[in-house]
C-alpha atoms as a PDB file:
ATOM      1  CA  ASP A   1     -13.381  -9.180   7.711  1.00  0.00           C
ATOM      2  CA  THR A   2     -15.659  -7.928   5.359  1.00  0.00           C
ATOM      3  CA  ASP A   3     -19.733  -7.705   6.454  1.00  0.00           C
ATOM      4  CA  ILE A   4     -21.315 -10.135   3.880  1.00  0.00           C
ATOM      5  CA  THR A   5     -24.853  -9.987   5.590  1.00  0.00           C
ATOM      6  CA  ASN A   6     -26.934  -9.027   3.453  1.00  0.00           C
ATOM      7  CA  GLY A   7     -25.221 -11.331   1.109  1.00  0.00           C
ATOM      8  CA  LYS A   8     -23.436  -9.602  -1.208  1.00  0.00           C
ATOM      9  CA  ILE A   9     -19.781  -8.669  -1.517  1.00  0.00           C
ATOM     10  CA  SER A  10     -18.810  -6.260  -4.588  1.00  0.00           C
ATOM     11  CA  LEU A  11     -15.423  -6.647  -6.769  1.00  0.00           C
ATOM     12  CA  ARG A  12     -13.913  -4.808  -9.588  1.00  0.00           C
ATOM     13  CA  SER A  13     -10.560  -6.043 -11.079  1.00  0.00           C
ATOM     14  CA  LEU A  14      -8.611  -4.233 -13.346  1.00  0.00           C
ATOM     15  CA  ILE A  15      -6.539  -5.874 -16.110  1.00  0.00           C
ATOM     16  CA  ASP A  16      -3.977  -4.593 -18.481  1.00  0.00           C
ATOM     17  CA  ARG A  17      -1.133  -6.739 -19.632  1.00  0.00           C
ATOM     18  CA  SER A  18       0.553  -8.408 -17.809  1.00  0.00           C
ATOM     19  CA  VAL A  19      -1.220  -7.395 -13.808  1.00  0.00           C
ATOM     20  CA  VAL A  20      -4.684  -8.086 -12.985  1.00  0.00           C
ATOM     21  CA  GLU A  21      -5.294  -6.120  -9.268  1.00  0.00           C
ATOM     22  CA  SER A  22      -9.165  -7.295  -7.537  1.00  0.00           C
ATOM     23  CA  PHE A  23     -10.345  -5.364  -5.540  1.00  0.00           C
ATOM     24  CA  GLY A  24     -13.505  -6.924  -2.767  1.00  0.00           C
ATOM     25  CA  ALA A  25     -15.936  -5.049  -0.466  1.00  0.00           C
ATOM     26  CA  GLY A  26     -14.790  -1.198  -1.284  1.00  0.00           C
ATOM     27  CA  GLY A  27     -11.412  -1.780  -1.587  1.00  0.00           C
ATOM     28  CA  LYS A  28     -11.477  -3.284   1.947  1.00  0.00           C
ATOM     29  CA  ALA A  29      -9.029  -6.632   0.232  1.00  0.00           C
ATOM     30  CA  CYS A  30      -6.951  -6.392  -2.734  1.00  0.00           C
ATOM     31  CA  ILE A  31      -5.219  -9.414  -4.966  1.00  0.00           C
ATOM     32  CA  LEU A  32      -2.361  -8.890  -7.275  1.00  0.00           C
ATOM     33  CA  SER A  33      -1.377 -11.315  -9.871  1.00  0.00           C
ATOM     34  CA  ARG A  34       1.220 -11.536 -12.464  1.00  0.00           C
ATOM     35  CA  VAL A  35      -0.378 -12.674 -15.517  1.00  0.00           C
ATOM     36  CA  TYR A  36       0.593 -13.285 -18.843  1.00  0.00           C
ATOM     37  CA  PRO A  37      -2.593 -13.940 -21.680  1.00  0.00           C
ATOM     38  CA  SER A  38      -2.484 -14.885 -24.790  1.00  0.00           C
ATOM     39  CA  LEU A  39      -3.713 -12.319 -27.246  1.00  0.00           C
ATOM     40  CA  ALA A  40      -7.336 -12.137 -27.076  1.00  0.00           C
ATOM     41  CA  ILE A  41      -9.181 -10.103 -29.186  1.00  0.00           C
ATOM     42  CA  GLY A  42     -13.501  -9.806 -30.306  1.00  0.00           C
ATOM     43  CA  LYS A  43     -15.028 -13.326 -30.354  1.00  0.00           C
ATOM     44  CA  ASN A  44     -11.458 -14.604 -28.603  1.00  0.00           C
ATOM     45  CA  ALA A  45     -11.813 -12.492 -25.706  1.00  0.00           C
ATOM     46  CA  ARG A  46     -13.248 -14.754 -22.899  1.00  0.00           C
ATOM     47  CA  LEU A  47     -13.654 -14.116 -18.876  1.00  0.00           C
ATOM     48  CA  TYR A  48     -14.395 -17.249 -16.400  1.00  0.00           C
ATOM     49  CA  VAL A  49     -15.318 -16.067 -12.708  1.00  0.00           C
ATOM     50  CA  PHE A  50     -14.802 -19.113 -10.651  1.00  0.00           C
ATOM     51  CA  ASN A  51     -14.420 -19.030  -6.522  1.00  0.00           C
ATOM     52  CA  ASN A  52     -12.649 -21.797  -4.358  1.00  0.00           C
ATOM     53  CA  GLY A  53     -14.290 -21.367  -1.481  1.00  0.00           C
ATOM     54  CA  LYS A  54     -16.754 -23.682   0.535  1.00  0.00           C
ATOM     55  CA  ALA A  55     -20.044 -22.028  -0.619  1.00  0.00           C
ATOM     56  CA  GLU A  56     -22.150 -21.738  -3.932  1.00  0.00           C
ATOM     57  CA  ILE A  57     -22.243 -18.208  -4.789  1.00  0.00           C
ATOM     58  CA  LYS A  58     -24.331 -16.966  -7.593  1.00  0.00           C
ATOM     59  CA  VAL A  59     -22.854 -13.509  -9.664  1.00  0.00           C
ATOM     60  CA  SER A  60     -25.698 -11.281 -10.432  1.00  0.00           C
ATOM     61  CA  GLN A  61     -23.691  -8.897 -12.357  1.00  0.00           C
ATOM     62  CA  LEU A  62     -21.076  -9.204 -14.341  1.00  0.00           C
ATOM     63  CA  THR A  63     -20.281  -5.555 -16.591  1.00  0.00           C
ATOM     64  CA  ALA A  64     -17.039  -5.287 -18.764  1.00  0.00           C
ATOM     65  CA  TRP A  65     -15.856  -2.051 -20.504  1.00  0.00           C
ATOM     66  CA  GLU A  66     -12.379  -1.350 -23.052  1.00  0.00           C
ATOM     67  CA  THR A  67      -9.989   1.135 -22.523  1.00  0.00           C
ATOM     68  CA  LYS A  68      -8.598   3.299 -24.574  1.00  0.00           C
ATOM     69  CA  LYS A  69      -4.884   4.264 -24.621  1.00  0.00           C
ATOM     70  CA  PRO A  70      -4.419   7.154 -23.687  1.00  0.00           C
ATOM     71  CA  VAL A  71      -3.322  10.209 -25.941  1.00  0.00           C
ATOM     72  CA  MET A  72      -0.827  12.262 -23.330  1.00  0.00           C
ATOM     73  CA  MET A  73       0.818   9.926 -21.412  1.00  0.00           C
ATOM     74  CA  ASN A  74       3.669  11.112 -18.923  1.00  0.00           C
ATOM     75  CA  GLY A  75       3.910  14.478 -20.488  1.00  0.00           C
ATOM     76  CA  ALA A  76       4.847  13.533 -23.313  1.00  0.00           C
END
């Protein structure tokens, strides 16, 4: 259960090559999904937000970052 009496809920999503993991309400809820995307670079990259619920929602802020590859991984 999540208290949304203030009308807001946070959602953070981590997306890599084959997994989308979303954390809602400060980590109280987690959804993990395996995906098989096509290459999306520059103008071909898109981010969609949708709602399968019964009530209308408003996305007040949406921010995306691209992470860089690690310089060193697993001590190698």
